[in-house]
């Protein structure tokens, strides 16, 4: 089989499909392990004697590290190859959760967040790998299924973590189990048939006849060129660090000078809109309808489960739209705006349940459309770099949304979703010109 630096097309559609299913398991284990620990972290740092301010600072530092590291790690994965970068991110994240399992002081707790904050980008690299493996027509389908598999892990993880924390030294045991899950994930990645699955970017044959199975990208050579100087991606993780750094910076400069910022702006608006909707969900329901937090928790779990279903239905939905991602994004954004408006003006809890039901579908579809558009419009830019920049944009949304939510809540419990309505309307207006320009 032809080698291309560890990057290329699958040996056959069946081999590609097996590889993709293994990546679904990687996504499931990743979020399953993380969600076991994350809901318990605030309680643990409080038990170590940290003040709310210190806990908030540590949490903010983690977000800042994610903001700046996403782009660099994504670009690095384009340079050294998906296998080595994915293994490095999984193992260093495991180290972070292992240190967390030994954190008997606030200082150790803070140290444990450093490797996780810098290298916890396994899902982004996995998505870039999926983009390398499948054809453009199949990409929304496999991305939706990957998100669904990951979401199942995020649903089950808190349940298992909540049970384990009831045991003696439960948090420490949970952290060690999380680290063990990451090690298991690293073993799974190591045993993937990389020799059979060259996993790089390839030119796609236009008008390729669609098959029922997941199709591999056609086996034709394409060097990964930097948008600035045409640097060829290397498959060696042991090349000079300076060469890697220079290549990363040139790729990032190329993205900064590209015409992708309207897509990134749409992604920013979408992330802020969704975060505003969720920001005071439980508090708003209690103040507006007098429901208990337990009911809010059940409702959020219900919405997450529907999000999994939406990911599985992306294939039929994209076929219904004849793979017109622009039109699908426009309609999902308009639907999201309408549903958040319905939630903000709801007169009964049943209207809230109705809006939450359909929001799970529209937001899942919208997020997948944005990722697909990033990779489609990106052209010569490598998928890891594009997804890394997208993750950084989402991190900016996580910084902006709490501030907007706090200000809006000064006026009304419905303030955050009302602001979200305006942002969702703007999102639809931004999506519309691209839809007509393309189609």
Protein backbone atom coordinates (compact mmCIF):
# COMPACT_ATOMS: atom_id res chain seq x y z
CA UNK A 1 0.00 0.00 0.00
CA UNK A 2 1.27 3.49 -0.84
CA UNK A 3 2.78 5.38 2.09
CA UNK A 4 2.54 9.14 2.42
CA UNK A 5 4.18 10.02 5.69
CA UNK A 6 1.58 8.26 7.76
CA UNK A 7 -1.10 10.30 6.08
CA UNK A 8 -3.35 9.19 3.21
CA UNK A 9 -6.38 7.27 2.19
CA UNK A 10 -7.66 4.11 3.73
CA UNK A 11 -6.94 0.82 2.07
CA UNK A 12 -10.64 0.33 1.45
CA UNK A 13 -14.01 1.77 2.50
CA UNK A 14 -14.50 -1.17 4.91
CA UNK A 15 -11.13 -0.56 6.57
CA UNK A 16 -11.94 3.13 6.87
CA UNK A 17 -15.30 2.31 8.47
CA UNK A 18 -13.60 0.09 11.09
CA UNK A 19 -11.13 2.83 11.88
CA UNK A 20 -13.94 5.39 12.24
CA UNK A 21 -15.86 3.13 14.65
CA UNK A 22 -12.75 2.86 16.82
CA UNK A 23 -12.56 6.65 16.90
CA UNK A 24 -16.16 6.72 18.15
CA UNK A 25 -14.97 4.61 21.10
CA UNK A 26 -12.09 7.04 21.68
CA UNK A 27 -14.55 9.95 21.87
CA UNK A 28 -16.86 8.04 24.23
CA UNK A 29 -14.07 7.09 26.65
CA UNK A 30 -12.65 10.61 26.61
CA UNK A 31 -15.80 12.38 27.74
CA UNK A 32 -16.84 9.51 29.98
CA UNK A 33 -13.64 9.87 32.00
CA UNK A 34 -13.73 13.67 32.07
CA UNK A 35 -17.38 13.90 33.10
CA UNK A 36 -16.75 11.56 36.04
CA UNK A 37 -14.43 14.13 37.61
CA UNK A 38 -15.38 17.63 36.42
CA UNK A 39 -18.70 17.96 38.33
CA UNK A 40 -16.89 17.06 41.56
CA UNK A 41 -13.95 19.44 41.24
CA UNK A 42 -15.54 22.49 42.85
CA UNK A 43 -16.51 20.44 45.88
CA UNK A 44 -13.00 19.01 46.14
CA UNK A 45 -11.16 22.31 45.93
CA UNK A 46 -13.53 23.73 48.51
CA UNK A 47 -12.74 20.80 50.82
CA UNK A 48 -9.03 21.66 50.43
CA UNK A 49 -9.73 25.07 51.98
CA UNK A 50 -9.67 27.21 48.84
CA UNK A 51 -11.80 30.34 48.79
CA UNK A 52 -14.33 30.84 45.99
CA UNK A 53 -12.02 33.49 44.52
CA UNK A 54 -9.05 31.09 44.37
CA UNK A 55 -11.24 28.38 42.88
CA UNK A 56 -12.48 30.85 40.27
CA UNK A 57 -8.93 31.93 39.39
CA UNK A 58 -7.81 28.32 38.89
CA UNK A 59 -10.84 27.65 36.71
CA UNK A 60 -10.14 30.78 34.65
CA UNK A 61 -6.49 29.84 34.18
CA UNK A 62 -7.58 26.49 32.81
CA UNK A 63 -9.84 28.26 30.31
CA UNK A 64 -7.07 30.65 29.29
CA UNK A 65 -4.66 27.76 28.70
CA UNK A 66 -7.27 26.07 26.52
CA UNK A 67 -7.80 29.31 24.62
CA UNK A 68 -4.16 29.66 23.59
CA UNK A 69 -3.20 26.00 23.30
CA UNK A 70 -6.06 24.86 21.03
CA UNK A 71 -4.65 26.45 17.90
CA UNK A 72 -1.06 25.42 18.58
CA UNK A 73 -1.88 21.80 19.39
CA UNK A 74 -4.20 21.50 16.40
CA UNK A 75 -1.52 22.87 14.08
CA UNK A 76 1.11 20.65 15.71
CA UNK A 77 -1.05 17.61 14.90
CA UNK A 78 -0.89 18.60 11.22
CA UNK A 79 2.90 18.70 11.38
CA UNK A 80 3.84 15.57 13.35
CA UNK A 81 0.84 13.45 12.39
CA UNK A 82 -2.40 12.51 14.13
CA UNK A 83 -1.10 9.34 15.78
CA UNK A 84 1.73 10.91 17.75
CA UNK A 85 -0.14 14.08 18.66
CA UNK A 86 -3.25 12.17 19.76
CA UNK A 87 -1.19 9.79 21.90
CA UNK A 88 0.75 12.68 23.45
CA UNK A 89 -2.45 14.58 24.32
CA UNK A 90 -4.11 11.51 25.86
CA UNK A 91 -1.08 10.52 27.94
CA UNK A 92 -0.38 14.04 29.22
CA UNK A 93 -4.05 14.47 30.10
CA UNK A 94 -3.84 11.16 32.00
CA UNK A 95 -0.85 12.60 33.89
CA UNK A 96 -2.93 15.63 34.85
CA UNK A 97 -5.77 13.51 36.24
CA UNK A 98 -3.27 11.26 38.04
CA UNK A 99 -1.82 14.34 39.79
CA UNK A 100 -5.38 15.44 40.54
CA UNK A 101 -5.89 12.10 42.29
CA UNK A 102 -2.99 12.98 44.59
CA UNK A 103 -4.01 16.61 45.15
CA UNK A 104 -4.17 17.01 48.92
CA UNK A 105 -3.37 20.74 48.65
CA UNK A 106 -4.64 23.61 46.52
CA UNK A 107 -1.15 23.92 45.01
CA UNK A 108 -1.19 20.34 43.70
CA UNK A 109 -4.73 20.86 42.45
CA UNK A 110 -3.59 23.88 40.43
CA UNK A 111 -0.58 21.96 39.04
CA UNK A 112 -2.84 19.11 37.92
CA UNK A 113 -4.80 21.49 35.71
CA UNK A 114 -1.74 22.59 33.71
CA UNK A 115 -1.16 19.49 31.51
CA UNK A 116 -4.91 19.07 31.06
CA UNK A 117 -5.36 22.75 30.16
CA UNK A 118 -2.61 22.59 27.55
CA UNK A 119 -3.09 19.14 26.03
CA UNK A 120 -6.75 18.19 26.53
CA UNK A 121 -7.55 18.49 22.82
CA UNK A 122 -8.12 14.84 22.05
CA UNK A 123 -11.59 15.41 20.62
CA UNK A 124 -10.37 18.09 18.21
CA UNK A 125 -7.55 15.89 16.92
CA UNK A 126 -9.97 12.97 16.59
CA UNK A 127 -12.31 15.15 14.51
CA UNK A 128 -9.39 16.22 12.33
CA UNK A 129 -8.54 12.54 11.87
CA UNK A 130 -12.14 11.80 10.90
CA UNK A 131 -11.96 14.59 8.36
CA UNK A 132 -8.80 12.98 6.95
CA UNK A 133 -10.48 9.59 6.64
CA UNK A 134 -13.85 10.25 5.06
CA UNK A 135 -15.17 12.02 2.02
CA UNK A 136 -16.66 15.48 2.20
CA UNK A 137 -20.19 14.18 1.64
CA UNK A 138 -19.89 11.75 4.55
CA UNK A 139 -18.21 14.21 6.92
CA UNK A 140 -21.37 15.64 8.58
CA UNK A 141 -22.64 12.09 9.14
CA UNK A 142 -19.50 10.79 10.86
CA UNK A 143 -19.03 14.04 12.82
CA UNK A 144 -22.59 13.75 14.09
CA UNK A 145 -22.08 10.14 15.13
CA UNK A 146 -18.77 11.01 16.81
CA UNK A 147 -20.48 13.80 18.78
CA UNK A 148 -23.28 11.41 19.69
CA UNK A 149 -20.84 8.79 21.00
CA UNK A 150 -19.01 11.46 23.01
CA UNK A 151 -22.28 12.79 24.41
CA UNK A 152 -23.26 9.32 25.63
CA UNK A 153 -20.03 9.28 27.64
CA UNK A 154 -20.84 12.72 29.04
CA UNK A 155 -24.29 11.52 30.10
CA UNK A 156 -23.06 8.34 31.83
CA UNK A 157 -19.91 9.77 33.42
CA UNK A 158 -21.52 12.01 36.07
CA UNK A 159 -23.71 9.12 37.24
CA UNK A 160 -20.69 6.85 37.79
CA UNK A 161 -18.67 9.68 39.33
CA UNK A 162 -21.50 10.57 41.71
CA UNK A 163 -21.69 6.97 42.88
CA UNK A 164 -17.92 6.65 43.38
CA UNK A 165 -17.65 9.88 45.33
CA UNK A 166 -19.93 8.44 48.00
CA UNK A 167 -17.18 5.95 48.87
CA UNK A 168 -14.28 6.68 51.22
CA UNK A 169 -11.77 8.95 49.46
CA UNK A 170 -14.21 8.85 46.58
CA UNK A 171 -12.83 11.85 44.69
CA UNK A 172 -9.30 10.47 44.68
CA UNK A 173 -10.51 7.08 43.48
CA UNK A 174 -12.57 8.73 40.76
CA UNK A 175 -9.57 10.74 39.56
CA UNK A 176 -7.37 7.64 39.40
CA UNK A 177 -10.09 5.78 37.49
CA UNK A 178 -10.32 8.72 35.09
CA UNK A 179 -6.53 8.59 34.54
CA UNK A 180 -6.81 4.83 33.95
CA UNK A 181 -9.53 5.40 31.35
CA UNK A 182 -7.23 7.80 29.53
CA UNK A 183 -4.46 5.18 29.60
CA UNK A 184 -6.94 2.67 28.18
CA UNK A 185 -7.80 5.20 25.48
CA UNK A 186 -4.10 5.62 24.67
CA UNK A 187 -3.79 1.85 24.30
CA UNK A 188 -6.78 1.83 21.94
CA UNK A 189 -5.23 4.59 19.82
CA UNK A 190 -1.89 2.77 19.76
CA UNK A 191 -3.52 -0.46 18.56
CA UNK A 192 -5.50 1.19 15.76
CA UNK A 193 -4.47 -0.16 12.33
CA UNK A 194 -2.41 2.89 11.39
CA UNK A 195 -0.34 0.85 8.91
CA UNK A 196 -3.56 0.10 7.06
CA UNK A 197 -5.08 3.53 7.59
CA UNK A 198 -2.94 6.29 6.15
CA UNK A 199 -4.72 9.21 7.73
CA UNK A 200 -3.93 12.39 5.90
CA UNK A 201 -5.61 14.93 3.65
CA UNK A 202 -6.35 13.86 0.08
CA UNK A 203 -7.96 15.48 -2.90
CA UNK A 204 -11.51 14.39 -3.31
CA UNK A 205 -12.84 13.22 -6.66
CA UNK A 206 -15.64 15.47 -7.72
CA UNK A 207 -18.91 13.75 -8.42
CA UNK A 208 -17.86 10.52 -6.72
CA UNK A 209 -20.80 8.15 -6.56
CA UNK A 210 -22.13 7.86 -3.02
CA UNK A 211 -22.20 4.43 -1.35
CA UNK A 212 -24.17 3.23 1.64
CA UNK A 213 -21.03 2.65 3.73
CA UNK A 214 -18.63 5.31 4.97
CA UNK A 215 -16.30 6.04 2.09
CA UNK A 216 -12.60 6.68 2.28
CA UNK A 217 -11.01 9.64 0.56
CA UNK A 218 -9.70 8.74 -2.88
CA UNK A 219 -6.11 7.54 -2.95
CA UNK A 220 -4.37 10.39 -4.73
CA UNK A 221 -1.39 12.41 -3.49
CA UNK A 222 -1.80 15.83 -1.96
CA UNK A 223 0.95 17.56 -0.06
CA UNK A 224 -0.25 19.55 2.94
CA UNK A 225 0.83 23.03 1.99
CA UNK A 226 1.08 25.95 4.35
CA UNK A 227 -0.92 28.89 3.09
CA UNK A 228 2.20 31.00 3.43
CA UNK A 229 5.09 28.96 2.05
CA UNK A 230 3.93 25.52 0.94
CA UNK A 231 5.65 23.61 3.74
CA UNK A 232 5.05 19.87 3.49
CA UNK A 233 3.70 18.23 6.62
CA UNK A 234 6.13 15.83 8.23
CA UNK A 235 5.31 12.48 9.70
CA UNK A 236 8.18 12.59 12.20
CA UNK A 237 7.49 13.84 15.73
CA UNK A 238 11.24 13.96 16.37
CA UNK A 239 12.19 16.69 13.93
CA UNK A 240 13.78 19.86 15.31
CA UNK A 241 11.48 21.65 17.79
CA UNK A 242 12.42 24.95 16.16
CA UNK A 243 11.31 23.66 12.79
CA UNK A 244 7.99 22.59 14.32
CA UNK A 245 7.52 25.95 16.05
CA UNK A 246 8.30 27.95 12.90
CA UNK A 247 5.91 25.80 10.85
CA UNK A 248 3.16 26.18 13.45
CA UNK A 249 3.55 29.98 13.49
CA UNK A 250 3.49 30.17 9.69
CA UNK A 251 0.32 28.10 9.53
CA UNK A 252 -1.37 30.25 12.19
CA UNK A 253 -0.34 33.39 10.31
CA UNK A 254 -1.88 31.90 7.19
CA UNK A 255 -5.18 31.31 9.00
CA UNK A 256 -5.10 34.86 10.41
CA UNK A 257 -4.72 36.26 6.88
CA UNK A 258 -7.40 34.03 5.37
CA UNK A 259 -11.05 34.74 4.60
CA UNK A 260 -12.34 32.33 7.25
CA UNK A 261 -13.12 34.88 9.93
CA UNK A 262 -16.78 35.19 8.98
CA UNK A 263 -17.13 31.45 9.68
CA UNK A 264 -15.29 31.84 12.99
CA UNK A 265 -17.57 34.78 13.83
CA UNK A 266 -20.60 32.56 13.21
CA UNK A 267 -19.04 29.93 15.50
CA UNK A 268 -18.45 32.57 18.20
CA UNK A 269 -22.05 33.80 18.03
CA UNK A 270 -23.35 30.24 18.15
CA UNK A 271 -21.26 29.32 21.21
CA UNK A 272 -22.24 32.48 23.11
CA UNK A 273 -25.90 31.93 22.23
CA UNK A 274 -25.93 28.37 23.57
CA UNK A 275 -23.92 29.28 26.68
CA UNK A 276 -26.29 32.14 27.48
CA UNK A 277 -29.26 29.81 27.16
CA UNK A 278 -27.70 27.38 29.66
CA UNK A 279 -26.07 29.98 31.93
CA UNK A 280 -28.91 30.43 34.43
CA UNK A 281 -31.23 27.65 33.30
CA UNK A 282 -31.86 26.08 36.73
CA UNK A 283 -32.10 29.41 38.55
CA UNK A 284 -34.47 30.89 35.97
CA UNK A 285 -36.80 27.87 36.12
CA UNK A 286 -36.89 28.07 39.90
CA UNK A 287 -37.67 31.80 39.90
CA UNK A 288 -40.15 31.73 37.02
CA UNK A 289 -42.02 28.46 37.65
CA UNK A 290 -40.98 27.35 41.14
CA UNK A 291 -39.51 24.03 39.96
CA UNK A 292 -36.78 22.32 41.96
CA UNK A 293 -33.17 21.98 40.74
CA UNK A 294 -33.71 18.21 40.52
CA UNK A 295 -36.31 18.74 37.81
CA UNK A 296 -33.93 21.07 35.96
CA UNK A 297 -31.28 18.37 36.11
CA UNK A 298 -33.65 15.80 34.64
CA UNK A 299 -34.61 18.26 31.89
CA UNK A 300 -30.96 18.90 30.99
CA UNK A 301 -30.27 15.16 30.88
CA UNK A 302 -33.32 14.75 28.65
CA UNK A 303 -31.99 17.43 26.29
CA UNK A 304 -28.54 15.80 26.22
CA UNK A 305 -30.11 12.47 25.30
CA UNK A 306 -31.99 14.12 22.44
CA UNK A 307 -28.72 15.68 21.31
CA UNK A 308 -27.32 12.16 20.96
CA UNK A 309 -30.33 11.21 18.83
CA UNK A 310 -29.84 14.34 16.70
CA UNK A 311 -26.23 13.33 16.03
CA UNK A 312 -27.38 9.93 14.81
CA UNK A 313 -29.99 11.51 12.51
CA UNK A 314 -27.58 13.89 10.79
CA UNK A 315 -27.12 11.49 7.89
CA UNK A 316 -30.78 11.46 6.81
CA UNK A 317 -31.07 15.20 7.49
CA UNK A 318 -28.11 16.11 5.28
CA UNK A 319 -29.45 13.85 2.53
CA UNK A 320 -32.81 15.61 2.84
CA UNK A 321 -30.98 18.92 2.28
CA UNK A 322 -28.96 17.37 -0.57
CA UNK A 323 -25.77 18.06 1.42
CA UNK A 324 -26.38 21.82 1.26
CA UNK A 325 -24.66 22.71 4.54
CA UNK A 326 -25.22 26.45 4.10
CA UNK A 327 -28.98 26.11 3.83
CA UNK A 328 -29.04 23.64 6.74
CA UNK A 329 -27.08 26.08 8.92
CA UNK A 330 -29.43 28.92 7.96
CA UNK A 331 -32.53 26.92 8.86
CA UNK A 332 -31.07 25.53 12.11
CA UNK A 333 -30.01 29.04 13.19
CA UNK A 334 -33.46 30.44 12.46
CA UNK A 335 -35.05 27.54 14.34
CA UNK A 336 -32.70 28.09 17.30
CA UNK A 337 -33.62 31.78 17.44
CA UNK A 338 -37.35 30.94 17.42
CA UNK A 339 -37.02 28.28 20.13
CA UNK A 340 -34.97 30.46 22.49
CA UNK A 341 -37.55 33.21 22.02
CA UNK A 342 -40.24 30.67 22.92
CA UNK A 343 -38.28 29.70 26.05
CA UNK A 344 -37.72 33.33 27.10
CA UNK A 345 -41.45 34.13 26.75
CA UNK A 346 -42.76 30.80 28.08
CA UNK A 347 -45.82 31.05 30.32
CA UNK A 348 -45.70 27.44 31.52
CA UNK A 349 -43.15 24.74 32.14
CA UNK A 350 -44.57 22.74 29.24
CA UNK A 351 -43.48 25.44 26.80
CA UNK A 352 -39.99 25.19 28.30
CA UNK A 353 -39.98 21.41 27.79
CA UNK A 354 -41.18 21.86 24.20
CA UNK A 355 -38.47 24.42 23.38
CA UNK A 356 -35.77 22.31 25.07
CA UNK A 357 -36.82 19.27 23.04
CA UNK A 358 -36.31 20.91 19.66
CA UNK A 359 -33.33 23.04 20.76
CA UNK A 360 -31.39 19.83 21.35
CA UNK A 361 -31.79 19.07 17.64
CA UNK A 362 -31.19 22.55 16.21
CA UNK A 363 -28.06 23.28 18.28
CA UNK A 364 -26.51 19.88 17.55
CA UNK A 365 -27.12 20.30 13.83
CA UNK A 366 -25.81 23.87 13.90
CA UNK A 367 -22.55 22.93 15.64
CA UNK A 368 -21.90 20.14 13.16
CA UNK A 369 -22.61 22.44 10.21
CA UNK A 370 -20.09 24.99 11.48
CA UNK A 371 -17.35 22.36 11.77
CA UNK A 372 -18.14 21.06 8.30
CA UNK A 373 -18.02 24.57 6.83
CA UNK A 374 -14.68 25.28 8.50
CA UNK A 375 -13.18 22.23 6.87
CA UNK A 376 -14.88 22.82 3.50
CA UNK A 377 -14.07 26.52 3.10
CA UNK A 378 -10.61 26.12 4.63
CA UNK A 379 -9.33 24.68 1.37
CA UNK A 380 -5.55 24.23 1.64
CA UNK A 381 -5.42 24.85 5.39
CA UNK A 382 -4.94 21.68 7.41
CA UNK A 383 -7.88 20.35 9.36
CA UNK A 384 -6.09 20.23 12.72
CA UNK A 385 -5.20 23.91 12.53
CA UNK A 386 -8.73 24.88 11.51
CA UNK A 387 -10.36 22.90 14.31
CA UNK A 388 -7.83 24.25 16.79
CA UNK A 389 -8.64 27.84 15.86
CA UNK A 390 -12.33 26.98 16.10
CA UNK A 391 -11.82 25.65 19.63
CA UNK A 392 -10.01 28.86 20.57
CA UNK A 393 -12.95 30.86 19.24
CA UNK A 394 -15.30 28.76 21.37
CA UNK A 395 -13.08 29.44 24.40
CA UNK A 396 -13.50 33.16 23.76
CA UNK A 397 -17.25 32.54 23.88
CA UNK A 398 -16.85 30.86 27.28
CA UNK A 399 -15.15 34.02 28.53
CA UNK A 400 -17.72 36.42 27.07
CA UNK A 401 -20.91 34.51 27.93
CA UNK A 402 -20.67 34.62 31.77
CA UNK A 403 -20.10 38.38 31.65
CA UNK A 404 -23.10 38.97 29.38
CA UNK A 405 -25.20 36.60 31.48
CA UNK A 406 -24.34 38.37 34.72
CA UNK A 407 -25.24 41.78 33.29
CA UNK A 408 -28.48 40.51 31.76
CA UNK A 409 -29.57 38.83 35.00
CA UNK A 410 -29.45 42.21 36.72
CA UNK A 411 -32.57 43.10 34.74
CA UNK A 412 -34.52 39.84 34.57
CA UNK A 413 -34.20 36.06 34.91
CA UNK A 414 -35.12 36.02 31.21
CA UNK A 415 -32.28 38.42 30.42
CA UNK A 416 -29.66 35.87 29.26
CA UNK A 417 -32.00 34.00 26.86
CA UNK A 418 -33.28 37.34 25.56
CA UNK A 419 -29.73 38.38 24.68
CA UNK A 420 -29.27 34.91 23.17
CA UNK A 421 -32.28 35.56 20.90
CA UNK A 422 -30.58 38.66 19.50
CA UNK A 423 -27.33 36.78 18.91
CA UNK A 424 -29.16 33.87 17.26
CA UNK A 425 -30.93 36.36 14.96
CA UNK A 426 -27.58 37.87 14.03
CA UNK A 427 -26.25 34.35 13.47
CA UNK A 428 -29.03 33.67 10.97
CA UNK A 429 -28.33 36.95 9.17
CA UNK A 430 -24.65 36.05 8.85
CA UNK A 431 -25.44 32.54 7.60
CA UNK A 432 -27.85 33.76 4.92
CA UNK A 433 -25.41 35.64 2.65
CA UNK A 434 -23.06 32.63 2.48
CA UNK A 435 -25.97 30.37 1.65
CA UNK A 436 -26.99 32.46 -1.39
CA UNK A 437 -23.38 33.08 -2.37
CA UNK A 438 -22.71 29.36 -2.49
CA UNK A 439 -25.95 28.12 -3.93
